[in-house]
Amino acid sequence: MLKLEYKHIWLCVLIFLCTIAAGFLVVFHFKPELVEKYDIFKLVVLSLALTLPLLSINAVTAAFLYDRLPDDYESETAKNVDITRGALMLNAIVIYVALLVCYFASLNFNWFLGIVAGLEMFMLIVSVFFRHILKADKTAK
């Protein structure tokens, strides 16, 4: 039987902050009337529907980076949890930065989607670039 450790609690907090809370802030910023209209279950589902597609893209981005890092994990599960943690952090960075720009510049939802798409493409290109650098570094050694 597994004991509950601090890293499990931090992973649950990270999952909440990077998916449900981020999606809720998107709904609250662009359509605040939906927060009053819908019950909590519908808001959670809507929040997840807004953020989980990005999480799959960020999982690929994080996997590009973690694939070339040294393999000093005690198990494959620990490495997968680290990749998930990286994907969640990328998800939070993309959504919160795009929301911040839209808030201060008073931009609409279409601009938000454009900023998110641009940030996702930028992160994907940067991760491929770093993967290439790490691959060249490993072959040089």
N, C-alpha and C. Protein backbone atom coordinates (compact mmCIF):
# COMPACT_ATOMS: atom_id res chain seq x y z
N MET A 1 0.84 -1.18 0.00
CA MET A 1 0.00 0.00 0.00
C MET A 1 0.89 1.24 0.00
N LEU A 2 0.56 2.20 -0.84
CA LEU A 2 1.32 3.41 -0.95
C LEU A 2 0.93 4.41 0.13
N LYS A 3 1.93 5.10 0.65
CA LYS A 3 1.67 6.17 1.60
C LYS A 3 1.54 7.48 0.84
N LEU A 4 0.70 8.34 1.34
CA LEU A 4 0.53 9.65 0.74
C LEU A 4 1.73 10.51 1.11
N GLU A 5 2.43 11.00 0.11
CA GLU A 5 3.61 11.82 0.33
C GLU A 5 3.34 13.24 -0.14
N TYR A 6 4.24 14.14 0.24
CA TYR A 6 4.07 15.54 -0.13
C TYR A 6 4.04 15.75 -1.64
N LYS A 7 4.80 14.95 -2.39
CA LYS A 7 4.83 15.15 -3.84
C LYS A 7 3.50 14.79 -4.49
N HIS A 8 2.73 13.87 -3.88
CA HIS A 8 1.40 13.56 -4.40
C HIS A 8 0.45 14.73 -4.18
N ILE A 9 0.56 15.36 -3.02
CA ILE A 9 -0.29 16.52 -2.73
C ILE A 9 0.04 17.67 -3.66
N TRP A 10 1.34 17.92 -3.89
CA TRP A 10 1.74 18.98 -4.79
C TRP A 10 1.28 18.71 -6.22
N LEU A 11 1.29 17.45 -6.62
CA LEU A 11 0.82 17.11 -7.97
C LEU A 11 -0.68 17.39 -8.09
N CYS A 12 -1.46 17.08 -7.07
CA CYS A 12 -2.90 17.36 -7.09
C CYS A 12 -3.17 18.86 -7.12
N VAL A 13 -2.42 19.62 -6.34
CA VAL A 13 -2.56 21.08 -6.35
C VAL A 13 -2.19 21.63 -7.72
N LEU A 14 -1.12 21.11 -8.30
CA LEU A 14 -0.69 21.56 -9.62
C LEU A 14 -1.74 21.23 -10.68
N ILE A 15 -2.33 20.05 -10.60
CA ILE A 15 -3.38 19.68 -11.55
C ILE A 15 -4.56 20.64 -11.44
N PHE A 16 -4.95 20.98 -10.21
CA PHE A 16 -6.06 21.91 -10.02
C PHE A 16 -5.72 23.29 -10.57
N LEU A 17 -4.55 23.82 -10.23
CA LEU A 17 -4.19 25.17 -10.64
C LEU A 17 -3.98 25.30 -12.15
N CYS A 18 -3.51 24.24 -12.77
CA CYS A 18 -3.17 24.33 -14.20
C CYS A 18 -4.29 23.89 -15.13
N THR A 19 -5.34 23.30 -14.61
CA THR A 19 -6.45 22.90 -15.47
C THR A 19 -7.75 23.58 -15.04
N ILE A 20 -8.26 23.22 -13.88
CA ILE A 20 -9.57 23.72 -13.47
C ILE A 20 -9.54 25.22 -13.18
N ALA A 21 -8.57 25.67 -12.40
CA ALA A 21 -8.51 27.09 -12.06
C ALA A 21 -8.23 27.95 -13.28
N ALA A 22 -7.34 27.50 -14.15
CA ALA A 22 -7.03 28.27 -15.35
C ALA A 22 -8.25 28.38 -16.26
N GLY A 23 -8.96 27.28 -16.46
CA GLY A 23 -10.17 27.31 -17.28
C GLY A 23 -11.26 28.17 -16.67
N PHE A 24 -11.38 28.11 -15.34
CA PHE A 24 -12.38 28.94 -14.66
C PHE A 24 -12.07 30.42 -14.85
N LEU A 25 -10.80 30.80 -14.79
CA LEU A 25 -10.43 32.20 -15.00
C LEU A 25 -10.72 32.64 -16.43
N VAL A 26 -10.54 31.76 -17.38
CA VAL A 26 -10.87 32.09 -18.77
C VAL A 26 -12.37 32.36 -18.89
N VAL A 27 -13.18 31.47 -18.31
CA VAL A 27 -14.63 31.66 -18.35
C VAL A 27 -15.01 32.94 -17.63
N PHE A 28 -14.44 33.17 -16.45
CA PHE A 28 -14.78 34.35 -15.66
C PHE A 28 -14.38 35.64 -16.36
N HIS A 29 -13.27 35.63 -17.06
CA HIS A 29 -12.82 36.86 -17.73
C HIS A 29 -13.66 37.18 -18.97
N PHE A 30 -13.95 36.18 -19.78
CA PHE A 30 -14.61 36.44 -21.05
C PHE A 30 -16.13 36.32 -20.99
N LYS A 31 -16.66 35.48 -20.13
CA LYS A 31 -18.11 35.32 -20.00
C LYS A 31 -18.49 35.21 -18.52
N PRO A 32 -18.42 36.30 -17.76
CA PRO A 32 -18.70 36.21 -16.31
C PRO A 32 -20.14 35.81 -15.98
N GLU A 33 -21.05 36.03 -16.91
CA GLU A 33 -22.44 35.65 -16.64
C GLU A 33 -22.61 34.13 -16.55
N LEU A 34 -21.71 33.37 -17.16
CA LEU A 34 -21.78 31.92 -17.08
C LEU A 34 -21.46 31.41 -15.68
N VAL A 35 -20.65 32.15 -14.94
CA VAL A 35 -20.31 31.75 -13.58
C VAL A 35 -21.55 31.78 -12.70
N GLU A 36 -22.40 32.77 -12.90
CA GLU A 36 -23.64 32.85 -12.13
C GLU A 36 -24.70 31.87 -12.64
N LYS A 37 -24.69 31.61 -13.93
CA LYS A 37 -25.73 30.79 -14.56
C LYS A 37 -25.54 29.29 -14.31
N TYR A 38 -24.29 28.79 -14.40
CA TYR A 38 -24.02 27.36 -14.31
C TYR A 38 -23.71 26.93 -12.90
N ASP A 39 -23.98 25.65 -12.61
CA ASP A 39 -23.60 25.09 -11.32
C ASP A 39 -22.12 24.68 -11.37
N ILE A 40 -21.59 24.24 -10.26
CA ILE A 40 -20.16 23.98 -10.13
C ILE A 40 -19.71 22.85 -11.05
N PHE A 41 -20.53 21.82 -11.21
CA PHE A 41 -20.15 20.69 -12.07
C PHE A 41 -19.97 21.15 -13.52
N LYS A 42 -20.91 21.95 -14.02
CA LYS A 42 -20.81 22.44 -15.40
C LYS A 42 -19.61 23.37 -15.58
N LEU A 43 -19.31 24.16 -14.56
CA LEU A 43 -18.14 25.03 -14.64
C LEU A 43 -16.84 24.24 -14.67
N VAL A 44 -16.79 23.17 -13.88
CA VAL A 44 -15.58 22.33 -13.88
C VAL A 44 -15.42 21.65 -15.24
N VAL A 45 -16.51 21.13 -15.79
CA VAL A 45 -16.44 20.49 -17.11
C VAL A 45 -16.04 21.50 -18.19
N LEU A 46 -16.60 22.69 -18.13
CA LEU A 46 -16.24 23.74 -19.09
C LEU A 46 -14.78 24.15 -18.93
N SER A 47 -14.32 24.27 -17.71
CA SER A 47 -12.92 24.62 -17.46
C SER A 47 -11.98 23.56 -18.01
N LEU A 48 -12.31 22.31 -17.77
CA LEU A 48 -11.49 21.22 -18.28
C LEU A 48 -11.54 21.15 -19.81
N ALA A 49 -12.70 21.44 -20.38
CA ALA A 49 -12.81 21.43 -21.85
C ALA A 49 -11.96 22.53 -22.48
N LEU A 50 -11.73 23.62 -21.76
CA LEU A 50 -10.90 24.70 -22.30
C LEU A 50 -9.41 24.42 -22.14
N THR A 51 -9.02 23.67 -21.12
CA THR A 51 -7.59 23.52 -20.82
C THR A 51 -6.99 22.17 -21.20
N LEU A 52 -7.76 21.11 -21.20
CA LEU A 52 -7.18 19.80 -21.48
C LEU A 52 -6.66 19.62 -22.90
N PRO A 53 -7.28 20.22 -23.92
CA PRO A 53 -6.65 20.10 -25.25
C PRO A 53 -5.25 20.71 -25.29
N LEU A 54 -5.05 21.79 -24.58
CA LEU A 54 -3.72 22.40 -24.51
C LEU A 54 -2.75 21.50 -23.76
N LEU A 55 -3.26 20.80 -22.77
CA LEU A 55 -2.39 19.92 -21.97
C LEU A 55 -1.81 18.80 -22.81
N SER A 56 -2.58 18.29 -23.76
CA SER A 56 -2.04 17.22 -24.62
C SER A 56 -0.92 17.75 -25.51
N ILE A 57 -1.06 18.97 -26.01
CA ILE A 57 0.00 19.58 -26.81
C ILE A 57 1.24 19.82 -25.94
N ASN A 58 1.02 20.31 -24.72
CA ASN A 58 2.13 20.58 -23.82
C ASN A 58 2.79 19.30 -23.33
N ALA A 59 2.06 18.20 -23.31
CA ALA A 59 2.67 16.92 -22.95
C ALA A 59 3.67 16.49 -24.02
N VAL A 60 3.34 16.73 -25.26
CA VAL A 60 4.28 16.42 -26.35
C VAL A 60 5.51 17.31 -26.23
N THR A 61 5.29 18.59 -25.96
CA THR A 61 6.41 19.52 -25.80
C THR A 61 7.31 19.11 -24.64
N ALA A 62 6.71 18.75 -23.51
CA ALA A 62 7.49 18.33 -22.35
C ALA A 62 8.21 17.01 -22.62
N ALA A 63 7.57 16.12 -23.35
CA ALA A 63 8.21 14.83 -23.67
C ALA A 63 9.43 15.03 -24.56
N PHE A 64 9.37 16.01 -25.48
CA PHE A 64 10.55 16.32 -26.29
C PHE A 64 11.74 16.67 -25.41
N LEU A 65 11.49 17.45 -24.39
CA LEU A 65 12.57 17.90 -23.52
C LEU A 65 13.04 16.80 -22.57
N TYR A 66 12.12 16.09 -21.97
CA TYR A 66 12.48 15.08 -20.98
C TYR A 66 13.08 13.83 -21.61
N ASP A 67 12.83 13.63 -22.89
CA ASP A 67 13.36 12.45 -23.57
C ASP A 67 14.88 12.48 -23.60
N ARG A 68 15.47 13.65 -23.71
CA ARG A 68 16.92 13.78 -23.86
C ARG A 68 17.65 14.08 -22.56
N LEU A 69 16.93 14.21 -21.46
CA LEU A 69 17.59 14.47 -20.18
C LEU A 69 18.21 13.19 -19.63
N PRO A 70 19.17 13.32 -18.72
CA PRO A 70 19.77 12.11 -18.14
C PRO A 70 18.72 11.23 -17.48
N ASP A 71 18.91 9.93 -17.61
CA ASP A 71 17.92 8.97 -17.11
C ASP A 71 18.28 8.54 -15.69
N ASP A 72 18.16 9.45 -14.73
CA ASP A 72 18.51 9.14 -13.35
C ASP A 72 17.26 8.97 -12.47
N TYR A 73 16.17 8.54 -13.07
CA TYR A 73 14.94 8.31 -12.32
C TYR A 73 14.95 6.89 -11.75
N GLU A 74 14.28 6.72 -10.60
CA GLU A 74 14.25 5.39 -10.00
C GLU A 74 13.31 4.44 -10.73
N SER A 75 12.34 5.00 -11.45
CA SER A 75 11.43 4.16 -12.23
C SER A 75 10.89 4.96 -13.41
N GLU A 76 10.26 4.26 -14.32
CA GLU A 76 9.64 4.92 -15.48
C GLU A 76 8.45 5.77 -15.03
N THR A 77 7.78 5.35 -13.97
CA THR A 77 6.65 6.12 -13.44
C THR A 77 7.10 7.48 -12.95
N ALA A 78 8.24 7.53 -12.28
CA ALA A 78 8.75 8.81 -11.79
C ALA A 78 9.06 9.76 -12.95
N LYS A 79 9.60 9.22 -14.03
CA LYS A 79 9.89 10.05 -15.20
C LYS A 79 8.59 10.54 -15.82
N ASN A 80 7.58 9.68 -15.91
CA ASN A 80 6.30 10.08 -16.48
C ASN A 80 5.61 11.15 -15.63
N VAL A 81 5.74 11.02 -14.31
CA VAL A 81 5.17 12.04 -13.42
C VAL A 81 5.89 13.37 -13.63
N ASP A 82 7.19 13.34 -13.83
CA ASP A 82 7.94 14.56 -14.11
C ASP A 82 7.52 15.18 -15.44
N ILE A 83 7.30 14.36 -16.45
CA ILE A 83 6.83 14.87 -17.74
C ILE A 83 5.45 15.50 -17.59
N THR A 84 4.59 14.87 -16.82
CA THR A 84 3.25 15.42 -16.56
C THR A 84 3.35 16.74 -15.83
N ARG A 85 4.22 16.81 -14.86
CA ARG A 85 4.43 18.06 -14.12
C ARG A 85 4.92 19.16 -15.06
N GLY A 86 5.83 18.83 -15.95
CA GLY A 86 6.31 19.81 -16.92
C GLY A 86 5.21 20.27 -17.86
N ALA A 87 4.38 19.33 -18.31
CA ALA A 87 3.27 19.68 -19.20
C ALA A 87 2.26 20.59 -18.48
N LEU A 88 2.00 20.30 -17.21
CA LEU A 88 1.08 21.15 -16.44
C LEU A 88 1.64 22.55 -16.27
N MET A 89 2.93 22.66 -16.04
CA MET A 89 3.53 23.98 -15.88
C MET A 89 3.50 24.76 -17.20
N LEU A 90 3.77 24.09 -18.31
CA LEU A 90 3.67 24.75 -19.61
C LEU A 90 2.24 25.21 -19.88
N ASN A 91 1.28 24.38 -19.50
CA ASN A 91 -0.13 24.72 -19.64
C ASN A 91 -0.45 25.99 -18.86
N ALA A 92 0.03 26.06 -17.63
CA ALA A 92 -0.23 27.23 -16.80
C ALA A 92 0.42 28.47 -17.38
N ILE A 93 1.65 28.33 -17.84
CA ILE A 93 2.36 29.49 -18.40
C ILE A 93 1.61 30.05 -19.60
N VAL A 94 1.20 29.17 -20.50
CA VAL A 94 0.50 29.62 -21.71
C VAL A 94 -0.82 30.30 -21.37
N ILE A 95 -1.63 29.67 -20.56
CA ILE A 95 -2.96 30.22 -20.27
C ILE A 95 -2.88 31.49 -19.45
N TYR A 96 -2.07 31.50 -18.40
CA TYR A 96 -2.02 32.67 -17.53
C TYR A 96 -1.36 33.86 -18.23
N VAL A 97 -0.34 33.64 -19.04
CA VAL A 97 0.27 34.76 -19.79
C VAL A 97 -0.72 35.32 -20.80
N ALA A 98 -1.42 34.45 -21.52
CA ALA A 98 -2.40 34.93 -22.49
C ALA A 98 -3.54 35.68 -21.80
N LEU A 99 -3.98 35.18 -20.64
CA LEU A 99 -5.03 35.89 -19.89
C LEU A 99 -4.55 37.24 -19.39
N LEU A 100 -3.31 37.30 -18.94
CA LEU A 100 -2.76 38.55 -18.45
C LEU A 100 -2.69 39.60 -19.56
N VAL A 101 -2.23 39.18 -20.73
CA VAL A 101 -2.16 40.10 -21.87
C VAL A 101 -3.56 40.56 -22.25
N CYS A 102 -4.51 39.65 -22.31
CA CYS A 102 -5.88 40.01 -22.68
C CYS A 102 -6.53 40.92 -21.64
N TYR A 103 -6.20 40.71 -20.39
CA TYR A 103 -6.76 41.54 -19.33
C TYR A 103 -6.24 42.97 -19.42
N PHE A 104 -4.93 43.14 -19.53
CA PHE A 104 -4.36 44.47 -19.55
C PHE A 104 -4.60 45.21 -20.86
N ALA A 105 -4.71 44.48 -21.95
CA ALA A 105 -4.94 45.12 -23.25
C ALA A 105 -6.42 45.15 -23.64
N SER A 106 -7.29 44.63 -22.78
CA SER A 106 -8.74 44.56 -23.02
C SER A 106 -9.05 43.89 -24.36
N LEU A 107 -8.47 42.73 -24.57
CA LEU A 107 -8.68 41.98 -25.81
C LEU A 107 -9.80 40.98 -25.64
N ASN A 108 -10.40 40.58 -26.75
CA ASN A 108 -11.51 39.62 -26.70
C ASN A 108 -11.00 38.18 -26.78
N PHE A 109 -11.95 37.24 -26.80
CA PHE A 109 -11.61 35.82 -26.77
C PHE A 109 -10.84 35.37 -28.01
N ASN A 110 -11.15 35.95 -29.16
CA ASN A 110 -10.41 35.59 -30.38
C ASN A 110 -8.93 35.94 -30.26
N TRP A 111 -8.63 37.08 -29.67
CA TRP A 111 -7.24 37.44 -29.42
C TRP A 111 -6.60 36.46 -28.45
N PHE A 112 -7.36 36.06 -27.43
CA PHE A 112 -6.85 35.09 -26.46
C PHE A 112 -6.45 33.79 -27.16
N LEU A 113 -7.32 33.31 -28.05
CA LEU A 113 -7.00 32.09 -28.79
C LEU A 113 -5.76 32.26 -29.67
N GLY A 114 -5.63 33.42 -30.28
CA GLY A 114 -4.46 33.69 -31.11
C GLY A 114 -3.18 33.74 -30.29
N ILE A 115 -3.24 34.36 -29.12
CA ILE A 115 -2.07 34.43 -28.25
C ILE A 115 -1.70 33.04 -27.76
N VAL A 116 -2.70 32.25 -27.39
CA VAL A 116 -2.44 30.88 -26.93
C VAL A 116 -1.81 30.06 -28.05
N ALA A 117 -2.35 30.16 -29.26
CA ALA A 117 -1.79 29.42 -30.39
C ALA A 117 -0.35 29.85 -30.67
N GLY A 118 -0.10 31.15 -30.61
CA GLY A 118 1.26 31.64 -30.82
C GLY A 118 2.23 31.16 -29.76
N LEU A 119 1.81 31.19 -28.51
CA LEU A 119 2.68 30.71 -27.43
C LEU A 119 2.93 29.21 -27.54
N GLU A 120 1.91 28.47 -27.92
CA GLU A 120 2.07 27.02 -28.08
C GLU A 120 3.07 26.71 -29.20
N MET A 121 2.94 27.40 -30.31
CA MET A 121 3.87 27.18 -31.42
C MET A 121 5.29 27.57 -31.02
N PHE A 122 5.42 28.69 -30.31
CA PHE A 122 6.73 29.13 -29.85
C PHE A 122 7.36 28.09 -28.93
N MET A 123 6.59 27.58 -27.98
CA MET A 123 7.13 26.58 -27.04
C MET A 123 7.47 25.28 -27.75
N LEU A 124 6.67 24.90 -28.72
CA LEU A 124 6.97 23.68 -29.47
C LEU A 124 8.25 23.83 -30.28
N ILE A 125 8.43 24.96 -30.92
CA ILE A 125 9.66 25.21 -31.69
C ILE A 125 10.87 25.26 -30.77
N VAL A 126 10.74 25.92 -29.63
CA VAL A 126 11.85 26.00 -28.68
C VAL A 126 12.21 24.61 -28.14
N SER A 127 11.19 23.79 -27.86
CA SER A 127 11.48 22.45 -27.34
C SER A 127 12.17 21.58 -28.39
N VAL A 128 11.77 21.70 -29.66
CA VAL A 128 12.45 20.95 -30.72
C VAL A 128 13.88 21.43 -30.86
N PHE A 129 14.09 22.75 -30.75
CA PHE A 129 15.43 23.32 -30.82
C PHE A 129 16.31 22.79 -29.67
N PHE A 130 15.78 22.79 -28.45
CA PHE A 130 16.55 22.29 -27.32
C PHE A 130 16.79 20.78 -27.41
N ARG A 131 15.82 20.06 -27.96
CA ARG A 131 16.02 18.63 -28.14
C ARG A 131 17.18 18.39 -29.10
N HIS A 132 17.23 19.18 -30.16
CA HIS A 132 18.33 19.05 -31.13
C HIS A 132 19.67 19.38 -30.47
N ILE A 133 19.69 20.41 -29.64
CA ILE A 133 20.94 20.76 -28.93
C ILE A 133 21.34 19.65 -27.98
N LEU A 134 20.38 19.11 -27.22
CA LEU A 134 20.69 18.04 -26.27
C LEU A 134 21.12 16.78 -26.99
N LYS A 135 20.53 16.50 -28.15
CA LYS A 135 20.92 15.33 -28.94
C LYS A 135 22.35 15.47 -29.44
N ALA A 136 22.69 16.66 -29.92
CA ALA A 136 24.05 16.91 -30.39
C ALA A 136 25.06 16.84 -29.25
N ASP A 137 24.62 17.29 -28.06
CA ASP A 137 25.50 17.27 -26.89
C ASP A 137 25.76 15.83 -26.44
N LYS A 138 24.74 14.96 -26.51
CA LYS A 138 24.91 13.57 -26.11
C LYS A 138 25.81 12.81 -27.09
N THR A 139 25.70 13.11 -28.38
CA THR A 139 26.51 12.42 -29.36
C THR A 139 27.97 12.87 -29.32
N ALA A 140 28.19 14.10 -28.84
CA ALA A 140 29.54 14.64 -28.75
C ALA A 140 30.32 14.01 -27.59
N LYS A 141 29.60 13.52 -26.61
CA LYS A 141 30.28 12.95 -25.42
C LYS A 141 30.72 11.56 -25.62
